[in-house]
Amino acid sequence: MLSSGHAAVSRTGQFVVDTCSGGFNLHDMEDGSYVWHFPTGTPIRRHPKQVAFGEKGHVVVGGSDHGIVYVFDRMTGNKVAELKVAEQGMVQTVAVGV
């Protein structure tokens, strides 16, 4: 069974979805085409995590099930930062400034 978690829509005409299987996928709004996968490692549990666009749509920010918030460059797919918020456990909710 395929599952997915939280999704967010950007003013750039793209949307990002938590795959519940180790990352987030970026897609184009117009035709749904796949753009990037932002990897967050092998999940411990397949629970949905929130994902959001930040910095006016320039970055993708999302939680994990191992205590880290990930920040990715939307245009290149590169990881910009890992923000460790706990030794372990779920980071299901994130908030960003627009």
N, C-alpha and C. Protein backbone atom coordinates (compact mmCIF):
# COMPACT_ATOMS: atom_id res chain seq x y z
N MET A 1 0.84 -1.18 0.00
CA MET A 1 0.00 0.00 0.00
C MET A 1 0.88 1.24 0.00
N LEU A 2 0.61 2.17 -0.87
CA LEU A 2 1.34 3.43 -0.92
C LEU A 2 0.70 4.40 0.07
N SER A 3 1.55 5.18 0.71
CA SER A 3 1.03 6.17 1.64
C SER A 3 1.85 7.44 1.50
N SER A 4 1.25 8.53 1.91
CA SER A 4 1.97 9.79 1.92
C SER A 4 1.46 10.61 3.10
N GLY A 5 2.27 11.57 3.46
CA GLY A 5 1.93 12.40 4.61
C GLY A 5 1.52 13.79 4.19
N HIS A 6 2.02 14.74 4.88
CA HIS A 6 1.67 16.13 4.70
C HIS A 6 2.14 16.63 3.33
N ALA A 7 1.46 17.65 2.81
CA ALA A 7 1.85 18.29 1.55
C ALA A 7 1.80 19.80 1.73
N ALA A 8 2.58 20.51 0.92
CA ALA A 8 2.58 21.97 0.93
C ALA A 8 2.66 22.46 -0.51
N VAL A 9 2.04 23.62 -0.76
CA VAL A 9 2.02 24.22 -2.08
C VAL A 9 2.78 25.53 -2.03
N SER A 10 3.59 25.78 -3.05
CA SER A 10 4.40 27.00 -3.12
C SER A 10 3.84 27.95 -4.19
N ARG A 11 4.14 29.21 -4.02
CA ARG A 11 3.77 30.21 -5.03
C ARG A 11 4.57 30.01 -6.32
N THR A 12 5.60 29.17 -6.28
CA THR A 12 6.44 28.91 -7.44
C THR A 12 5.77 27.96 -8.43
N GLY A 13 4.58 27.45 -8.08
CA GLY A 13 3.90 26.51 -8.97
C GLY A 13 4.32 25.08 -8.74
N GLN A 14 4.80 24.79 -7.54
CA GLN A 14 5.22 23.44 -7.19
C GLN A 14 4.58 23.02 -5.87
N PHE A 15 4.57 21.71 -5.64
CA PHE A 15 4.12 21.21 -4.34
C PHE A 15 5.09 20.13 -3.88
N VAL A 16 5.16 19.96 -2.57
CA VAL A 16 6.06 18.98 -1.97
C VAL A 16 5.23 18.08 -1.06
N VAL A 17 5.56 16.78 -1.06
CA VAL A 17 4.80 15.78 -0.32
C VAL A 17 5.75 14.91 0.50
N ASP A 18 5.38 14.65 1.76
CA ASP A 18 6.11 13.69 2.58
C ASP A 18 5.78 12.29 2.05
N THR A 19 6.79 11.51 1.71
CA THR A 19 6.56 10.16 1.17
C THR A 19 6.31 9.12 2.25
N CYS A 20 6.59 9.46 3.51
CA CYS A 20 6.49 8.50 4.64
C CYS A 20 7.48 7.35 4.49
N SER A 21 8.42 7.47 3.56
CA SER A 21 9.38 6.39 3.37
C SER A 21 10.80 6.93 3.22
N GLY A 22 11.09 8.04 3.91
CA GLY A 22 12.46 8.53 3.91
C GLY A 22 12.71 9.78 3.11
N GLY A 23 11.74 10.66 3.05
CA GLY A 23 12.00 11.92 2.38
C GLY A 23 10.75 12.61 1.87
N PHE A 24 11.00 13.60 1.04
CA PHE A 24 9.95 14.43 0.49
C PHE A 24 10.14 14.50 -1.02
N ASN A 25 9.04 14.54 -1.76
CA ASN A 25 9.11 14.65 -3.22
C ASN A 25 8.52 15.98 -3.67
N LEU A 26 9.24 16.65 -4.57
CA LEU A 26 8.80 17.90 -5.14
C LEU A 26 8.21 17.62 -6.52
N HIS A 27 7.04 18.23 -6.79
CA HIS A 27 6.34 18.04 -8.07
C HIS A 27 5.92 19.38 -8.64
N ASP A 28 5.70 19.40 -9.95
CA ASP A 28 5.20 20.57 -10.63
C ASP A 28 3.67 20.58 -10.54
N MET A 29 3.07 21.72 -10.22
CA MET A 29 1.62 21.83 -10.07
C MET A 29 0.89 21.64 -11.41
N GLU A 30 1.47 22.12 -12.48
CA GLU A 30 0.77 22.11 -13.77
C GLU A 30 0.43 20.70 -14.24
N ASP A 31 1.41 19.82 -14.19
CA ASP A 31 1.18 18.46 -14.70
C ASP A 31 1.49 17.35 -13.70
N GLY A 32 1.89 17.73 -12.48
CA GLY A 32 2.20 16.74 -11.45
C GLY A 32 3.53 16.05 -11.63
N SER A 33 4.33 16.49 -12.59
CA SER A 33 5.60 15.81 -12.86
C SER A 33 6.57 15.91 -11.68
N TYR A 34 7.33 14.87 -11.51
CA TYR A 34 8.33 14.75 -10.46
C TYR A 34 9.51 15.67 -10.77
N VAL A 35 10.00 16.39 -9.73
CA VAL A 35 11.14 17.29 -9.89
C VAL A 35 12.35 16.80 -9.11
N TRP A 36 12.20 16.64 -7.78
CA TRP A 36 13.30 16.22 -6.90
C TRP A 36 12.79 15.30 -5.81
N HIS A 37 13.72 14.50 -5.27
CA HIS A 37 13.50 13.78 -4.02
C HIS A 37 14.47 14.37 -3.01
N PHE A 38 13.97 14.74 -1.84
CA PHE A 38 14.80 15.25 -0.76
C PHE A 38 14.91 14.15 0.29
N PRO A 39 16.04 13.43 0.38
CA PRO A 39 16.15 12.27 1.28
C PRO A 39 16.38 12.66 2.74
N THR A 40 15.70 11.95 3.62
CA THR A 40 15.85 12.17 5.07
C THR A 40 16.28 10.91 5.80
N GLY A 41 16.78 9.93 5.09
CA GLY A 41 17.24 8.69 5.72
C GLY A 41 16.14 7.67 5.85
N THR A 42 16.53 6.46 6.23
CA THR A 42 15.58 5.37 6.40
C THR A 42 14.70 5.64 7.61
N PRO A 43 13.38 5.61 7.44
CA PRO A 43 12.50 5.89 8.57
C PRO A 43 12.49 4.74 9.57
N ILE A 44 12.30 5.11 10.83
CA ILE A 44 12.14 4.12 11.89
C ILE A 44 10.69 3.64 11.89
N ARG A 45 9.77 4.60 11.75
CA ARG A 45 8.33 4.32 11.63
C ARG A 45 7.80 5.14 10.46
N ARG A 46 6.83 4.61 9.80
CA ARG A 46 6.26 5.30 8.64
C ARG A 46 5.07 6.17 9.05
N HIS A 47 5.36 7.23 9.78
CA HIS A 47 4.35 8.19 10.20
C HIS A 47 4.53 9.47 9.39
N PRO A 48 3.44 10.17 9.08
CA PRO A 48 3.55 11.41 8.30
C PRO A 48 4.27 12.51 9.07
N LYS A 49 5.08 13.26 8.33
CA LYS A 49 5.79 14.41 8.88
C LYS A 49 5.41 15.63 8.07
N GLN A 50 5.36 16.78 8.73
CA GLN A 50 5.01 18.01 8.04
C GLN A 50 6.18 18.48 7.19
N VAL A 51 5.85 19.07 6.07
CA VAL A 51 6.84 19.66 5.17
C VAL A 51 6.30 21.03 4.76
N ALA A 52 7.21 21.99 4.57
CA ALA A 52 6.79 23.35 4.25
C ALA A 52 7.83 24.02 3.36
N PHE A 53 7.39 25.07 2.68
CA PHE A 53 8.31 25.92 1.93
C PHE A 53 8.68 27.10 2.82
N GLY A 54 9.93 27.53 2.75
CA GLY A 54 10.38 28.68 3.52
C GLY A 54 11.20 29.61 2.65
N GLU A 55 11.57 30.75 3.21
CA GLU A 55 12.38 31.74 2.51
C GLU A 55 11.82 32.06 1.12
N LYS A 56 10.52 32.39 1.11
CA LYS A 56 9.82 32.77 -0.13
C LYS A 56 9.86 31.66 -1.18
N GLY A 57 9.79 30.40 -0.72
CA GLY A 57 9.77 29.26 -1.62
C GLY A 57 11.13 28.75 -2.04
N HIS A 58 12.19 29.32 -1.50
CA HIS A 58 13.54 28.91 -1.91
C HIS A 58 14.01 27.63 -1.22
N VAL A 59 13.44 27.32 -0.06
CA VAL A 59 13.85 26.11 0.66
C VAL A 59 12.64 25.25 0.99
N VAL A 60 12.91 23.96 1.17
CA VAL A 60 11.93 22.99 1.63
C VAL A 60 12.39 22.53 3.01
N VAL A 61 11.48 22.59 3.99
CA VAL A 61 11.80 22.25 5.38
C VAL A 61 10.85 21.14 5.82
N GLY A 62 11.41 20.10 6.43
CA GLY A 62 10.56 19.00 6.88
C GLY A 62 11.13 18.25 8.05
N GLY A 63 10.25 17.58 8.76
CA GLY A 63 10.63 16.81 9.93
C GLY A 63 11.08 15.40 9.58
N SER A 64 11.36 14.63 10.63
CA SER A 64 11.79 13.25 10.47
C SER A 64 11.33 12.46 11.68
N ASP A 65 11.61 11.17 11.67
CA ASP A 65 11.27 10.37 12.85
C ASP A 65 12.51 10.03 13.68
N HIS A 66 13.60 10.79 13.45
CA HIS A 66 14.82 10.55 14.21
C HIS A 66 15.41 11.86 14.77
N GLY A 67 14.54 12.81 15.09
CA GLY A 67 14.95 14.01 15.83
C GLY A 67 15.61 15.11 15.04
N ILE A 68 15.50 15.09 13.71
CA ILE A 68 16.18 16.08 12.88
C ILE A 68 15.17 16.79 11.98
N VAL A 69 15.33 18.11 11.85
CA VAL A 69 14.60 18.89 10.86
C VAL A 69 15.56 19.12 9.70
N TYR A 70 15.11 18.82 8.49
CA TYR A 70 15.94 18.95 7.30
C TYR A 70 15.55 20.19 6.51
N VAL A 71 16.56 20.88 5.95
CA VAL A 71 16.34 22.05 5.10
C VAL A 71 17.05 21.78 3.78
N PHE A 72 16.30 21.90 2.67
CA PHE A 72 16.83 21.64 1.33
C PHE A 72 16.65 22.85 0.44
N ASP A 73 17.57 23.04 -0.49
CA ASP A 73 17.43 24.06 -1.53
C ASP A 73 16.43 23.53 -2.56
N ARG A 74 15.35 24.27 -2.78
CA ARG A 74 14.30 23.82 -3.70
C ARG A 74 14.79 23.70 -5.14
N MET A 75 15.67 24.57 -5.56
CA MET A 75 16.11 24.59 -6.97
C MET A 75 17.13 23.49 -7.30
N THR A 76 18.01 23.15 -6.36
CA THR A 76 19.07 22.18 -6.64
C THR A 76 18.82 20.81 -6.02
N GLY A 77 17.97 20.76 -4.99
CA GLY A 77 17.75 19.52 -4.26
C GLY A 77 18.80 19.25 -3.20
N ASN A 78 19.80 20.13 -3.08
CA ASN A 78 20.87 19.94 -2.09
C ASN A 78 20.39 20.20 -0.67
N LYS A 79 20.93 19.42 0.25
CA LYS A 79 20.64 19.64 1.66
C LYS A 79 21.40 20.88 2.12
N VAL A 80 20.69 21.82 2.74
CA VAL A 80 21.28 23.06 3.23
C VAL A 80 21.66 22.92 4.70
N ALA A 81 20.80 22.25 5.49
CA ALA A 81 21.06 22.12 6.93
C ALA A 81 20.31 20.94 7.51
N GLU A 82 20.87 20.41 8.60
CA GLU A 82 20.19 19.44 9.47
C GLU A 82 20.13 20.09 10.84
N LEU A 83 18.94 20.29 11.35
CA LEU A 83 18.75 20.91 12.66
C LEU A 83 18.35 19.84 13.65
N LYS A 84 19.28 19.46 14.50
CA LYS A 84 19.02 18.39 15.47
C LYS A 84 18.23 18.97 16.63
N VAL A 85 17.02 18.47 16.83
CA VAL A 85 16.16 18.97 17.90
C VAL A 85 16.00 17.98 19.04
N ALA A 86 16.40 16.73 18.81
CA ALA A 86 16.32 15.70 19.85
C ALA A 86 17.26 14.56 19.49
N GLU A 87 17.63 13.78 20.48
CA GLU A 87 18.48 12.61 20.22
C GLU A 87 17.74 11.57 19.39
N GLN A 88 16.45 11.50 19.57
CA GLN A 88 15.61 10.58 18.82
C GLN A 88 14.17 11.05 18.90
N GLY A 89 13.30 10.43 18.18
CA GLY A 89 11.89 10.75 18.25
C GLY A 89 11.39 11.54 17.05
N MET A 90 10.08 11.67 17.01
CA MET A 90 9.40 12.29 15.89
C MET A 90 9.50 13.81 15.90
N VAL A 91 9.73 14.36 14.73
CA VAL A 91 9.59 15.80 14.49
C VAL A 91 8.50 15.86 13.41
N GLN A 92 7.26 15.92 13.84
CA GLN A 92 6.15 15.86 12.91
C GLN A 92 5.66 17.23 12.48
N THR A 93 5.95 18.25 13.24
CA THR A 93 5.45 19.59 12.94
C THR A 93 6.60 20.56 12.78
N VAL A 94 6.56 21.33 11.71
CA VAL A 94 7.55 22.39 11.48
C VAL A 94 6.81 23.67 11.13
N ALA A 95 7.44 24.80 11.40
CA ALA A 95 6.89 26.10 11.04
C ALA A 95 8.00 26.92 10.44
N VAL A 96 7.67 27.70 9.43
CA VAL A 96 8.66 28.54 8.76
C VAL A 96 8.11 29.94 8.59
N GLY A 97 9.01 30.90 8.50
CA GLY A 97 8.60 32.27 8.19
C GLY A 97 8.52 32.42 6.68
N VAL A 98 7.59 33.18 6.23
CA VAL A 98 7.44 33.37 4.79
C VAL A 98 8.24 34.52 4.37
